[in-house]
Amino acid sequence: MPVLVLDGHSRAALETLQSLGRAGLDVDLASESPDCLAMHSRYVRKKLRQPSLAKAADFHSWLSALDKKRNYELIVPATEASLLGFRSLDENDPLRVKAVLPSNLSLDVALDKQKTWQLATDLGVPVPQSTLLSTVEESGKADRYPLVLKPVRSKIMVEGELRTLAVAIVRNETQRREQLQQWLRFTPVLQQQYISGRGVGAEFLFNHGHKVWHFVHERAHEFPLSGGASSYRRSIKPPARLLRDAENLLTALQWHGVAMVEFKMDANGQHWLMEINPRLWGSLALSIDAGVDFCVGGHKPKYKPGERLALLLRGMSPEKLDGSGAEFTGDDRAGAARDLQEEKRPDASE
């Protein structure tokens, strides 16, 4: 049976398409942009025009009709926008099940930065000092800068349009007040202590509350330098306490499917939770190239450590999957690199 990858304009969708295509699966690709880069891949079986996600009912009708024709084995929401489309379906809806997602309760915690902060606090996971603001009047004045302002939800509906609200770093009271006046009309805002350091992402595949794999990377460069999207990153040996805290968060949520838990590591080596990303991430290519293919793992999340996963882990022997997740030494990465050199892997333009 074929699989469907949504949000073809995203980097995560492109990597997912190529990963599943290399694994020999028939992949349909959908995008609101008919000429996005991924549409030119040789792995696309059917090219589909994805409707706007502003109206969930229209998205559901389109997806249901499409699934009746194609009978998909897996449906991949590659962005938070399509993830929200699945969130509004009943948990037992066949379309929802095919997307390999956790419960609505778990999704709601991961998608809400205040609820994530509260869960971390309850579990003893280090978090920045934070204050939830609901109105400009209650915001008072800050006594320390810079500060980080985070809308509790990064995707909100504004006048019938699904808008993205990015995290803002403010450096004085004027910037702070202007940003709060703009956002508090639509959503509460989490005001947080600014943590200086490097970003670290812990990525996971979970199967109904049980970890299958993990992979950890650090951000060597971000844009802007004060904190933003990563432009250069590398795999690292997971810091034990950071990995434990990330796993505890997802275990408490009885997670199912993929997720990335994001931290900042300060100059003293202390990690601080930033957020939970409950979907495939933009830097997905790094884990795939290192040998941990979360895309194919999401296709068959019931694979157990120790099974022969030739399609799932390139360059790593199954014996090394001992239930603690996939970890790589320098020799493992070198072996994976040799395999990739021998494999005729398409570049992003294919």
C-alpha atoms as a PDB file:
ATOM      1  CA  MET A   1       0.000   0.000   0.000  1.00  0.00           C
ATOM      2  CA  PRO A   2       1.187   3.558  -0.656  1.00  0.00           C
ATOM      3  CA  VAL A   3       2.045   6.240   1.889  1.00  0.00           C
ATOM      4  CA  LEU A   4       1.166   9.944   1.852  1.00  0.00           C
ATOM      5  CA  VAL A   5       3.537  12.744   2.853  1.00  0.00           C
ATOM      6  CA  LEU A   6       1.899  16.119   3.512  1.00  0.00           C
ATOM      7  CA  ASP A   7       3.386  19.632   3.478  1.00  0.00           C
ATOM      8  CA  GLY A   8       5.719  18.985   0.552  1.00  0.00           C
ATOM      9  CA  HIS A   9       7.203  22.484   0.804  1.00  0.00           C
ATOM     10  CA  SER A  10       8.930  21.642   4.110  1.00  0.00           C
ATOM     11  CA  ARG A  11      12.425  20.232   4.587  1.00  0.00           C
ATOM     12  CA  ALA A  12      11.030  17.450   6.761  1.00  0.00           C
ATOM     13  CA  ALA A  13       8.677  16.393   3.960  1.00  0.00           C
ATOM     14  CA  LEU A  14      11.510  16.286   1.424  1.00  0.00           C
ATOM     15  CA  GLU A  15      13.668  14.110   3.668  1.00  0.00           C
ATOM     16  CA  THR A  16      10.716  11.856   4.478  1.00  0.00           C
ATOM     17  CA  LEU A  17       9.874  11.442   0.799  1.00  0.00           C
ATOM     18  CA  GLN A  18      13.434  10.452  -0.078  1.00  0.00           C
ATOM     19  CA  SER A  19      13.788   8.156   2.939  1.00  0.00           C
ATOM     20  CA  LEU A  20      10.581   6.237   2.256  1.00  0.00           C
ATOM     21  CA  GLY A  21      11.307   6.163  -1.465  1.00  0.00           C
ATOM     22  CA  ARG A  22      14.728   4.636  -0.893  1.00  0.00           C
ATOM     23  CA  ALA A  23      13.060   2.023   1.305  1.00  0.00           C
ATOM     24  CA  GLY A  24      11.031   0.940  -1.721  1.00  0.00           C
ATOM     25  CA  LEU A  25       7.671   2.420  -0.716  1.00  0.00           C
ATOM     26  CA  ASP A  26       5.234   4.106  -3.090  1.00  0.00           C
ATOM     27  CA  VAL A  27       5.007   7.711  -1.916  1.00  0.00           C
ATOM     28  CA  ASP A  28       2.351  10.286  -2.779  1.00  0.00           C
ATOM     29  CA  LEU A  29       3.295  13.898  -2.035  1.00  0.00           C
ATOM     30  CA  ALA A  30       0.858  16.696  -1.239  1.00  0.00           C
ATOM     31  CA  SER A  31       1.601  20.389  -0.970  1.00  0.00           C
ATOM     32  CA  GLU A  32      -0.204  23.721  -1.146  1.00  0.00           C
ATOM     33  CA  SER A  33       2.672  24.774  -3.402  1.00  0.00           C
ATOM     34  CA  PRO A  34       2.496  22.732  -6.630  1.00  0.00           C
ATOM     35  CA  ASP A  35       6.058  23.570  -7.667  1.00  0.00           C
ATOM     36  CA  CYS A  36       7.945  23.008  -4.429  1.00  0.00           C
ATOM     37  CA  LEU A  37      11.354  21.331  -4.595  1.00  0.00           C
ATOM     38  CA  ALA A  38      10.134  17.953  -3.369  1.00  0.00           C
ATOM     39  CA  MET A  39       7.668  17.712  -6.278  1.00  0.00           C
ATOM     40  CA  HIS A  40      10.673  17.242  -8.578  1.00  0.00           C
ATOM     41  CA  SER A  41      11.945  14.151  -6.761  1.00  0.00           C
ATOM     42  CA  ARG A  42      12.032  10.876  -8.663  1.00  0.00           C
ATOM     43  CA  TYR A  43      10.402   9.215  -5.655  1.00  0.00           C
ATOM     44  CA  VAL A  44       7.030  10.944  -6.035  1.00  0.00           C
ATOM     45  CA  ARG A  45       4.404   8.488  -7.262  1.00  0.00           C
ATOM     46  CA  LYS A  46       1.497  10.976  -7.295  1.00  0.00           C
ATOM     47  CA  LYS A  47       1.641  14.765  -7.028  1.00  0.00           C
ATOM     48  CA  LEU A  48      -1.301  16.213  -5.104  1.00  0.00           C
ATOM     49  CA  ARG A  49      -2.555  19.712  -4.349  1.00  0.00           C
ATOM     50  CA  GLN A  50      -3.086  20.001  -0.607  1.00  0.00           C
ATOM     51  CA  PRO A  51      -5.935  22.303   0.473  1.00  0.00           C
ATOM     52  CA  SER A  52      -5.433  25.103   2.944  1.00  0.00           C
ATOM     53  CA  LEU A  53      -5.501  24.015   6.561  1.00  0.00           C
ATOM     54  CA  ALA A  54      -7.368  27.142   7.631  1.00  0.00           C
ATOM     55  CA  LYS A  55     -10.615  25.162   7.348  1.00  0.00           C
ATOM     56  CA  ALA A  56     -10.169  21.813   9.067  1.00  0.00           C
ATOM     57  CA  ALA A  57     -13.424  20.380   7.672  1.00  0.00           C
ATOM     58  CA  ASP A  58     -12.259  20.918   4.070  1.00  0.00           C
ATOM     59  CA  PHE A  59      -8.911  19.307   4.857  1.00  0.00           C
ATOM     60  CA  HIS A  60     -10.610  16.294   6.445  1.00  0.00           C
ATOM     61  CA  SER A  61     -12.980  15.838   3.486  1.00  0.00           C
ATOM     62  CA  TRP A  62     -10.109  16.005   1.002  1.00  0.00           C
ATOM     63  CA  LEU A  63      -7.988  13.581   3.005  1.00  0.00           C
ATOM     64  CA  SER A  64     -10.830  11.120   3.550  1.00  0.00           C
ATOM     65  CA  ALA A  65     -11.747  11.029  -0.149  1.00  0.00           C
ATOM     66  CA  LEU A  66      -8.101  10.587  -1.097  1.00  0.00           C
ATOM     67  CA  ASP A  67      -7.591   7.768   1.393  1.00  0.00           C
ATOM     68  CA  LYS A  68     -10.647   5.923   0.072  1.00  0.00           C
ATOM     69  CA  LYS A  69      -9.024   5.881  -3.370  1.00  0.00           C
ATOM     70  CA  ARG A  70      -5.468   5.098  -2.312  1.00  0.00           C
ATOM     71  CA  ASN A  71      -5.889   3.229   1.014  1.00  0.00           C
ATOM     72  CA  TYR A  72      -2.737   4.632   2.588  1.00  0.00           C
ATOM     73  CA  GLU A  73      -0.674   2.592   5.011  1.00  0.00           C
ATOM     74  CA  LEU A  74       0.920   5.693   6.527  1.00  0.00           C
ATOM     75  CA  ILE A  75       0.131   9.428   6.427  1.00  0.00           C
ATOM     76  CA  VAL A  76       2.898  11.826   7.485  1.00  0.00           C
ATOM     77  CA  PRO A  77       2.042  15.335   8.739  1.00  0.00           C
ATOM     78  CA  ALA A  78       5.371  17.091   8.204  1.00  0.00           C
ATOM     79  CA  THR A  79       4.480  20.460   9.771  1.00  0.00           C
ATOM     80  CA  GLU A  80       2.583  21.670  12.803  1.00  0.00           C
ATOM     81  CA  ALA A  81      -0.164  23.010  10.530  1.00  0.00           C
ATOM     82  CA  SER A  82      -1.160  19.556   9.241  1.00  0.00           C
ATOM     83  CA  LEU A  83      -0.568  18.089  12.696  1.00  0.00           C
ATOM     84  CA  LEU A  84      -3.287  20.425  13.978  1.00  0.00           C
ATOM     85  CA  GLY A  85      -5.536  19.130  11.219  1.00  0.00           C
ATOM     86  CA  PHE A  86      -5.177  15.618  12.638  1.00  0.00           C
ATOM     87  CA  ARG A  87      -5.553  16.898  16.200  1.00  0.00           C
ATOM     88  CA  SER A  88      -9.167  17.849  15.454  1.00  0.00           C
ATOM     89  CA  LEU A  89     -10.013  14.271  14.401  1.00  0.00           C
ATOM     90  CA  ASP A  90     -11.284  11.673  16.856  1.00  0.00           C
ATOM     91  CA  GLU A  91      -8.399   9.643  18.270  1.00  0.00           C
ATOM     92  CA  ASN A  92      -9.876   6.449  16.824  1.00  0.00           C
ATOM     93  CA  ASP A  93     -10.477   7.917  13.377  1.00  0.00           C
ATOM     94  CA  PRO A  94      -8.746   5.654  10.791  1.00  0.00           C
ATOM     95  CA  LEU A  95      -6.981   8.673   9.262  1.00  0.00           C
ATOM     96  CA  ARG A  96      -5.646   9.692  12.651  1.00  0.00           C
ATOM     97  CA  VAL A  97      -4.364   6.176  13.360  1.00  0.00           C
ATOM     98  CA  LYS A  98      -2.463   6.139  10.066  1.00  0.00           C
ATOM     99  CA  ALA A  99      -0.587   9.285  11.108  1.00  0.00           C
ATOM    100  CA  VAL A 100       1.117   7.521  14.087  1.00  0.00           C
ATOM    101  CA  LEU A 101       0.318  10.179  16.694  1.00  0.00           C
ATOM    102  CA  PRO A 102      -0.022  10.241  20.483  1.00  0.00           C
ATOM    103  CA  SER A 103      -3.253  11.048  22.312  1.00  0.00           C
ATOM    104  CA  ASN A 104      -4.856  14.482  22.161  1.00  0.00           C
ATOM    105  CA  LEU A 105      -3.913  15.028  25.793  1.00  0.00           C
ATOM    106  CA  SER A 106      -0.256  14.380  24.999  1.00  0.00           C
ATOM    107  CA  LEU A 107      -0.335  16.531  21.870  1.00  0.00           C
ATOM    108  CA  ASP A 108      -1.954  19.388  23.756  1.00  0.00           C
ATOM    109  CA  VAL A 109       0.815  19.383  26.359  1.00  0.00           C
ATOM    110  CA  ALA A 110       3.549  19.303  23.710  1.00  0.00           C
ATOM    111  CA  LEU A 111       1.928  22.046  21.608  1.00  0.00           C
ATOM    112  CA  ASP A 112       1.351  24.356  24.570  1.00  0.00           C
ATOM    113  CA  LYS A 113       4.548  25.877  25.966  1.00  0.00           C
ATOM    114  CA  GLN A 114       3.005  26.646  29.359  1.00  0.00           C
ATOM    115  CA  LYS A 115       1.750  23.069  29.771  1.00  0.00           C
ATOM    116  CA  THR A 116       5.151  21.755  28.670  1.00  0.00           C
ATOM    117  CA  TRP A 117       6.849  24.012  31.248  1.00  0.00           C
ATOM    118  CA  GLN A 118       4.493  22.799  33.962  1.00  0.00           C
ATOM    119  CA  LEU A 119       5.061  19.122  33.137  1.00  0.00           C
ATOM    120  CA  ALA A 120       8.820  19.647  33.198  1.00  0.00           C
ATOM    121  CA  THR A 121       8.569  21.433  36.548  1.00  0.00           C
ATOM    122  CA  ASP A 122       6.545  18.560  37.992  1.00  0.00           C
ATOM    123  CA  LEU A 123       9.142  16.044  36.771  1.00  0.00           C
ATOM    124  CA  GLY A 124      12.131  18.021  38.012  1.00  0.00           C
ATOM    125  CA  VAL A 125      13.419  18.843  34.521  1.00  0.00           C
ATOM    126  CA  PRO A 126      15.417  22.131  34.535  1.00  0.00           C
ATOM    127  CA  VAL A 127      13.416  24.998  32.994  1.00  0.00           C
ATOM    128  CA  PRO A 128      14.052  28.739  32.664  1.00  0.00           C
ATOM    129  CA  GLN A 129      12.329  31.017  35.159  1.00  0.00           C
ATOM    130  CA  SER A 130       8.966  31.796  33.554  1.00  0.00           C
ATOM    131  CA  THR A 131       5.853  33.932  33.984  1.00  0.00           C
ATOM    132  CA  LEU A 132       2.573  33.456  32.123  1.00  0.00           C
ATOM    133  CA  LEU A 133       1.104  36.734  30.889  1.00  0.00           C
ATOM    134  CA  SER A 134      -2.505  37.052  29.713  1.00  0.00           C
ATOM    135  CA  THR A 135      -2.994  40.829  29.529  1.00  0.00           C
ATOM    136  CA  VAL A 136      -0.765  43.849  28.999  1.00  0.00           C
ATOM    137  CA  GLU A 137      -2.038  45.342  32.230  1.00  0.00           C
ATOM    138  CA  GLU A 138      -0.764  42.434  34.340  1.00  0.00           C
ATOM    139  CA  SER A 139       2.618  42.318  32.623  1.00  0.00           C
ATOM    140  CA  GLY A 140       4.181  45.010  34.819  1.00  0.00           C
ATOM    141  CA  LYS A 141       7.813  45.869  34.125  1.00  0.00           C
ATOM    142  CA  ALA A 142      10.757  43.524  33.740  1.00  0.00           C
ATOM    143  CA  ASP A 143      13.910  44.091  35.802  1.00  0.00           C
ATOM    144  CA  ARG A 144      16.308  42.074  33.651  1.00  0.00           C
ATOM    145  CA  TYR A 145      17.078  41.841  29.940  1.00  0.00           C
ATOM    146  CA  PRO A 146      17.264  40.189  27.505  1.00  0.00           C
ATOM    147  CA  LEU A 147      14.042  38.216  27.949  1.00  0.00           C
ATOM    148  CA  VAL A 148      12.362  35.609  25.793  1.00  0.00           C
ATOM    149  CA  LEU A 149       8.682  35.943  24.876  1.00  0.00           C
ATOM    150  CA  LYS A 150       6.941  32.775  23.715  1.00  0.00           C
ATOM    151  CA  PRO A 151       3.320  32.623  22.562  1.00  0.00           C
ATOM    152  CA  VAL A 152       1.950  29.530  24.330  1.00  0.00           C
ATOM    153  CA  ARG A 153       0.931  28.240  20.893  1.00  0.00           C
ATOM    154  CA  SER A 154       3.113  28.832  17.836  1.00  0.00           C
ATOM    155  CA  LYS A 155       0.164  28.367  15.429  1.00  0.00           C
ATOM    156  CA  ILE A 156      -3.024  30.376  15.923  1.00  0.00           C
ATOM    157  CA  MET A 157      -6.038  31.352  13.836  1.00  0.00           C
ATOM    158  CA  VAL A 158      -6.235  35.082  13.098  1.00  0.00           C
ATOM    159  CA  GLU A 159      -9.170  36.281  10.993  1.00  0.00           C
ATOM    160  CA  GLY A 160      -9.539  32.879   9.356  1.00  0.00           C
ATOM    161  CA  GLU A 161      -5.823  32.556   8.606  1.00  0.00           C
ATOM    162  CA  LEU A 162      -3.449  30.135  10.303  1.00  0.00           C
ATOM    163  CA  ARG A 163      -0.518  32.251  11.439  1.00  0.00           C
ATOM    164  CA  THR A 164       2.863  31.363  12.909  1.00  0.00           C
ATOM    165  CA  LEU A 165       4.071  33.288  15.957  1.00  0.00           C
ATOM    166  CA  ALA A 166       7.812  32.904  16.381  1.00  0.00           C
ATOM    167  CA  VAL A 167       9.673  33.248  19.668  1.00  0.00           C
ATOM    168  CA  ALA A 168      10.980  36.789  20.245  1.00  0.00           C
ATOM    169  CA  ILE A 169      14.024  37.965  22.192  1.00  0.00           C
ATOM    170  CA  VAL A 170      13.468  41.458  23.605  1.00  0.00           C
ATOM    171  CA  ARG A 171      16.267  43.641  24.950  1.00  0.00           C
ATOM    172  CA  ASN A 172      14.447  46.550  26.537  1.00  0.00           C
ATOM    173  CA  GLU A 173      11.065  47.540  27.949  1.00  0.00           C
ATOM    174  CA  THR A 174       9.935  49.250  24.763  1.00  0.00           C
ATOM    175  CA  GLN A 175      10.473  46.119  22.678  1.00  0.00           C
ATOM    176  CA  ARG A 176       8.803  44.015  25.346  1.00  0.00           C
ATOM    177  CA  ARG A 177       5.674  46.169  25.548  1.00  0.00           C
ATOM    178  CA  GLU A 178       5.319  46.397  21.778  1.00  0.00           C
ATOM    179  CA  GLN A 179       5.579  42.627  21.366  1.00  0.00           C
ATOM    180  CA  LEU A 180       3.110  41.933  24.169  1.00  0.00           C
ATOM    181  CA  GLN A 181       0.587  44.415  22.781  1.00  0.00           C
ATOM    182  CA  GLN A 182       0.812  42.661  19.414  1.00  0.00           C
ATOM    183  CA  TRP A 183       0.457  39.084  20.706  1.00  0.00           C
ATOM    184  CA  LEU A 184      -1.735  39.269  23.798  1.00  0.00           C
ATOM    185  CA  ARG A 185      -4.738  40.144  21.660  1.00  0.00           C
ATOM    186  CA  PHE A 186      -4.633  36.576  20.360  1.00  0.00           C
ATOM    187  CA  THR A 187      -2.850  34.336  22.879  1.00  0.00           C
ATOM    188  CA  PRO A 188      -1.241  34.261  26.337  1.00  0.00           C
ATOM    189  CA  VAL A 189       2.535  34.683  26.325  1.00  0.00           C
ATOM    190  CA  LEU A 190       5.181  32.880  28.373  1.00  0.00           C
ATOM    191  CA  GLN A 191       7.876  35.317  29.494  1.00  0.00           C
ATOM    192  CA  GLN A 192      11.123  33.461  30.167  1.00  0.00           C
ATOM    193  CA  GLN A 193      14.628  34.008  31.434  1.00  0.00           C
ATOM    194  CA  TYR A 194      17.099  34.162  28.552  1.00  0.00           C
ATOM    195  CA  ILE A 195      19.513  31.218  28.547  1.00  0.00           C
ATOM    196  CA  SER A 196      22.786  31.771  26.745  1.00  0.00           C
ATOM    197  CA  GLY A 197      24.362  28.665  25.268  1.00  0.00           C
ATOM    198  CA  ARG A 198      24.113  26.159  22.452  1.00  0.00           C
ATOM    199  CA  GLY A 199      20.979  24.366  21.357  1.00  0.00           C
ATOM    200  CA  VAL A 200      20.747  20.592  21.774  1.00  0.00           C
ATOM    201  CA  GLY A 201      18.010  18.444  20.260  1.00  0.00           C
ATOM    202  CA  ALA A 202      17.108  14.960  21.527  1.00  0.00           C
ATOM    203  CA  GLU A 203      15.052  13.094  18.919  1.00  0.00           C
ATOM    204  CA  PHE A 204      12.996  10.012  19.633  1.00  0.00           C
ATOM    205  CA  LEU A 205      10.832   7.300  18.182  1.00  0.00           C
ATOM    206  CA  PHE A 206       8.322   6.016  20.755  1.00  0.00           C
ATOM    207  CA  ASN A 207       5.890   3.114  20.537  1.00  0.00           C
ATOM    208  CA  HIS A 208       2.930   3.673  22.869  1.00  0.00           C
ATOM    209  CA  GLY A 209       4.973   5.059  25.738  1.00  0.00           C
ATOM    210  CA  HIS A 210       8.114   2.987  25.172  1.00  0.00           C
ATOM    211  CA  LYS A 211      11.268   4.371  23.614  1.00  0.00           C
ATOM    212  CA  VAL A 212      12.518   2.604  20.496  1.00  0.00           C
ATOM    213  CA  TRP A 213      15.327   4.907  19.297  1.00  0.00           C
ATOM    214  CA  HIS A 214      17.003   8.151  20.202  1.00  0.00           C
ATOM    215  CA  PHE A 215      19.483  10.459  18.487  1.00  0.00           C
ATOM    216  CA  VAL A 216      21.026  13.671  19.802  1.00  0.00           C
ATOM    217  CA  HIS A 217      22.557  16.623  17.978  1.00  0.00           C
ATOM    218  CA  GLU A 218      23.901  20.031  18.929  1.00  0.00           C
ATOM    219  CA  ARG A 219      23.599  23.291  17.078  1.00  0.00           C
ATOM    220  CA  ALA A 220      27.032  24.561  16.117  1.00  0.00           C
ATOM    221  CA  HIS A 221      25.564  27.658  14.468  1.00  0.00           C
ATOM    222  CA  GLU A 222      22.182  29.383  14.595  1.00  0.00           C
ATOM    223  CA  PHE A 223      20.646  32.251  12.686  1.00  0.00           C
ATOM    224  CA  PRO A 224      20.360  34.728  14.212  1.00  0.00           C
ATOM    225  CA  LEU A 225      23.299  34.080  16.541  1.00  0.00           C
ATOM    226  CA  SER A 226      21.237  35.177  19.552  1.00  0.00           C
ATOM    227  CA  GLY A 227      19.010  32.135  19.006  1.00  0.00           C
ATOM    228  CA  GLY A 228      17.050  30.841  16.060  1.00  0.00           C
ATOM    229  CA  ALA A 229      16.933  28.099  13.465  1.00  0.00           C
ATOM    230  CA  SER A 230      20.056  25.959  13.184  1.00  0.00           C
ATOM    231  CA  SER A 231      22.180  26.457  10.100  1.00  0.00           C
ATOM    232  CA  TYR A 232      24.948  24.020  11.100  1.00  0.00           C
ATOM    233  CA  ARG A 233      24.612  21.042  13.445  1.00  0.00           C
ATOM    234  CA  ARG A 234      26.407  17.833  14.372  1.00  0.00           C
ATOM    235  CA  SER A 235      25.608  14.565  16.135  1.00  0.00           C
ATOM    236  CA  ILE A 236      26.935  14.135  19.665  1.00  0.00           C
ATOM    237  CA  LYS A 237      27.101  11.479  22.342  1.00  0.00           C
ATOM    238  CA  PRO A 238      23.970  12.111  24.417  1.00  0.00           C
ATOM    239  CA  PRO A 239      24.638  13.808  27.777  1.00  0.00           C
ATOM    240  CA  ALA A 240      23.227  11.307  30.262  1.00  0.00           C
ATOM    241  CA  ARG A 241      21.104  13.678  32.364  1.00  0.00           C
ATOM    242  CA  LEU A 242      19.738  15.516  29.353  1.00  0.00           C
ATOM    243  CA  LEU A 243      18.761  12.256  27.670  1.00  0.00           C
ATOM    244  CA  ARG A 244      17.141  11.010  30.872  1.00  0.00           C
ATOM    245  CA  ASP A 245      15.077  14.180  31.264  1.00  0.00           C
ATOM    246  CA  ALA A 246      13.957  14.169  27.631  1.00  0.00           C
ATOM    247  CA  GLU A 247      12.943  10.531  27.821  1.00  0.00           C
ATOM    248  CA  ASN A 248      11.089  11.095  31.101  1.00  0.00           C
ATOM    249  CA  LEU A 249       9.009  13.856  29.522  1.00  0.00           C
ATOM    250  CA  LEU A 250       7.866  11.680  26.623  1.00  0.00           C
ATOM    251  CA  THR A 251       7.365   8.633  28.815  1.00  0.00           C
ATOM    252  CA  ALA A 252       5.112  10.675  31.118  1.00  0.00           C
ATOM    253  CA  LEU A 253       3.086  11.664  28.054  1.00  0.00           C
ATOM    254  CA  GLN A 254       2.833   8.034  26.895  1.00  0.00           C
ATOM    255  CA  TRP A 255       4.210   9.249  23.572  1.00  0.00           C
ATOM    256  CA  HIS A 256       3.617   7.472  20.278  1.00  0.00           C
ATOM    257  CA  GLY A 257       5.532   8.320  17.113  1.00  0.00           C
ATOM    258  CA  VAL A 258       8.348  10.831  16.686  1.00  0.00           C
ATOM    259  CA  ALA A 259       9.272  13.931  18.684  1.00  0.00           C
ATOM    260  CA  MET A 260      12.226  16.181  19.391  1.00  0.00           C
ATOM    261  CA  VAL A 261      12.868  17.626  22.844  1.00  0.00           C
ATOM    262  CA  GLU A 262      14.838  20.865  22.587  1.00  0.00           C
ATOM    263  CA  PHE A 263      17.250  22.171  25.220  1.00  0.00           C
ATOM    264  CA  LYS A 264      19.779  24.939  25.717  1.00  0.00           C
ATOM    265  CA  MET A 265      23.131  23.926  27.244  1.00  0.00           C
ATOM    266  CA  ASP A 266      24.764  26.783  29.160  1.00  0.00           C
ATOM    267  CA  ALA A 267      28.478  27.435  29.710  1.00  0.00           C
ATOM    268  CA  ASN A 268      28.442  25.325  32.889  1.00  0.00           C
ATOM    269  CA  GLY A 269      27.080  22.273  31.077  1.00  0.00           C
ATOM    270  CA  GLN A 270      23.596  22.626  32.581  1.00  0.00           C
ATOM    271  CA  HIS A 271      20.720  21.873  30.212  1.00  0.00           C
ATOM    272  CA  TRP A 272      17.453  23.812  30.193  1.00  0.00           C
ATOM    273  CA  LEU A 273      14.257  22.689  28.495  1.00  0.00           C
ATOM    274  CA  MET A 274      13.060  24.914  25.649  1.00  0.00           C
ATOM    275  CA  GLU A 275      10.145  22.980  24.121  1.00  0.00           C
ATOM    276  CA  ILE A 276       8.842  19.701  22.735  1.00  0.00           C
ATOM    277  CA  ASN A 277       8.523  19.481  18.964  1.00  0.00           C
ATOM    278  CA  PRO A 278       5.794  16.846  18.389  1.00  0.00           C
ATOM    279  CA  ARG A 279       6.538  16.133  14.736  1.00  0.00           C
ATOM    280  CA  LEU A 280       9.399  15.534  12.322  1.00  0.00           C
ATOM    281  CA  TRP A 281      11.976  18.320  12.559  1.00  0.00           C
ATOM    282  CA  GLY A 282      13.756  20.509  10.025  1.00  0.00           C
ATOM    283  CA  SER A 283      17.198  19.012  10.738  1.00  0.00           C
ATOM    284  CA  LEU A 284      15.932  15.476  10.035  1.00  0.00           C
ATOM    285  CA  ALA A 285      18.610  14.919   7.372  1.00  0.00           C
ATOM    286  CA  LEU A 286      21.339  14.734  10.015  1.00  0.00           C
ATOM    287  CA  SER A 287      19.906  11.720  11.838  1.00  0.00           C
ATOM    288  CA  ILE A 288      19.154   9.956   8.560  1.00  0.00           C
ATOM    289  CA  ASP A 289      22.690  10.500   7.267  1.00  0.00           C
ATOM    290  CA  ALA A 290      24.081   9.270  10.592  1.00  0.00           C
ATOM    291  CA  GLY A 291      22.074   6.078  10.226  1.00  0.00           C
ATOM    292  CA  VAL A 292      18.953   6.628  12.355  1.00  0.00           C
ATOM    293  CA  ASP A 293      16.079   6.813   9.878  1.00  0.00           C
ATOM    294  CA  PHE A 294      13.116   8.082  11.867  1.00  0.00           C
ATOM    295  CA  CYS A 295      10.983   8.267   8.729  1.00  0.00           C
ATOM    296  CA  VAL A 296      11.050   4.538   8.044  1.00  0.00           C
ATOM    297  CA  GLY A 297      10.873   3.875  11.776  1.00  0.00           C
ATOM    298  CA  GLY A 298       7.645   5.858  11.893  1.00  0.00           C
ATOM    299  CA  HIS A 299       6.347   3.621   9.116  1.00  0.00           C
ATOM    300  CA  LYS A 300       6.848   0.569  11.317  1.00  0.00           C
ATOM    301  CA  PRO A 301       7.008   1.835  14.928  1.00  0.00           C
ATOM    302  CA  LYS A 302       6.439  -1.672  16.331  1.00  0.00           C
ATOM    303  CA  TYR A 303       9.933  -2.801  15.314  1.00  0.00           C
ATOM    304  CA  LYS A 304      11.717  -3.962  18.455  1.00  0.00           C
ATOM    305  CA  PRO A 305      15.388  -3.360  19.300  1.00  0.00           C
ATOM    306  CA  GLY A 306      17.450  -6.370  18.281  1.00  0.00           C
ATOM    307  CA  GLU A 307      15.464  -7.181  15.146  1.00  0.00           C
ATOM    308  CA  ARG A 308      17.211  -7.050  11.800  1.00  0.00           C
ATOM    309  CA  LEU A 309      16.419  -3.544  10.532  1.00  0.00           C
ATOM    310  CA  ALA A 310      18.378  -3.415   7.301  1.00  0.00           C
ATOM    311  CA  LEU A 311      16.065  -0.803   5.838  1.00  0.00           C
ATOM    312  CA  LEU A 312      15.925   1.228   9.016  1.00  0.00           C
ATOM    313  CA  LEU A 313      19.516   1.600  10.171  1.00  0.00           C
ATOM    314  CA  ARG A 314      22.214   1.921   7.552  1.00  0.00           C
ATOM    315  CA  GLY A 315      25.725   1.393   8.828  1.00  0.00           C
ATOM    316  CA  MET A 316      24.807  -0.065  12.200  1.00  0.00           C
ATOM    317  CA  SER A 317      24.481  -3.693  13.222  1.00  0.00           C
ATOM    318  CA  PRO A 318      21.194  -4.798  14.830  1.00  0.00           C
ATOM    319  CA  GLU A 319      23.073  -6.204  17.797  1.00  0.00           C
ATOM    320  CA  LYS A 320      23.789  -2.661  18.981  1.00  0.00           C
ATOM    321  CA  LEU A 321      20.105  -1.970  19.520  1.00  0.00           C
ATOM    322  CA  ASP A 322      19.838  -3.080  23.126  1.00  0.00           C
ATOM    323  CA  GLY A 323      16.695  -1.205  24.114  1.00  0.00           C
ATOM    324  CA  SER A 324      18.486   1.964  25.193  1.00  0.00           C
ATOM    325  CA  GLY A 325      18.120   3.542  21.765  1.00  0.00           C
ATOM    326  CA  ALA A 326      20.459   4.002  18.848  1.00  0.00           C
ATOM    327  CA  GLU A 327      23.830   5.495  19.741  1.00  0.00           C
ATOM    328  CA  PHE A 328      26.798   5.859  17.444  1.00  0.00           C
ATOM    329  CA  THR A 329      30.532   5.785  17.995  1.00  0.00           C
ATOM    330  CA  GLY A 330      33.033   7.264  15.581  1.00  0.00           C
ATOM    331  CA  ASP A 331      33.481   3.832  13.967  1.00  0.00           C
ATOM    332  CA  ASP A 332      29.718   3.526  13.457  1.00  0.00           C
ATOM    333  CA  ARG A 333      29.549   6.907  11.741  1.00  0.00           C
ATOM    334  CA  ALA A 334      32.549   6.099   9.568  1.00  0.00           C
ATOM    335  CA  GLY A 335      30.871   2.875   8.466  1.00  0.00           C
ATOM    336  CA  ALA A 336      27.653   4.701   7.705  1.00  0.00           C
ATOM    337  CA  ALA A 337      29.568   7.287   5.684  1.00  0.00           C
ATOM    338  CA  ARG A 338      31.216   4.563   3.589  1.00  0.00           C
ATOM    339  CA  ASP A 339      27.821   3.005   2.925  1.00  0.00           C
ATOM    340  CA  LEU A 340      26.420   6.334   1.843  1.00  0.00           C
ATOM    341  CA  GLN A 341      29.317   6.904  -0.541  1.00  0.00           C
ATOM    342  CA  GLU A 342      28.633   3.556  -2.173  1.00  0.00           C
ATOM    343  CA  GLU A 343      24.903   4.181  -2.384  1.00  0.00           C
ATOM    344  CA  LYS A 344      23.646   6.249  -5.314  1.00  0.00           C
ATOM    345  CA  ARG A 345      21.684   8.600  -3.161  1.00  0.00           C
ATOM    346  CA  PRO A 346      19.775  11.404  -4.930  1.00  0.00           C
ATOM    347  CA  ASP A 347      20.582  14.969  -4.058  1.00  0.00           C
ATOM    348  CA  ALA A 348      17.876  17.413  -3.031  1.00  0.00           C
ATOM    349  CA  SER A 349      17.117  18.372  -6.631  1.00  0.00           C
ATOM    350  CA  GLU A 350      16.197  14.847  -7.669  1.00  0.00           C
END
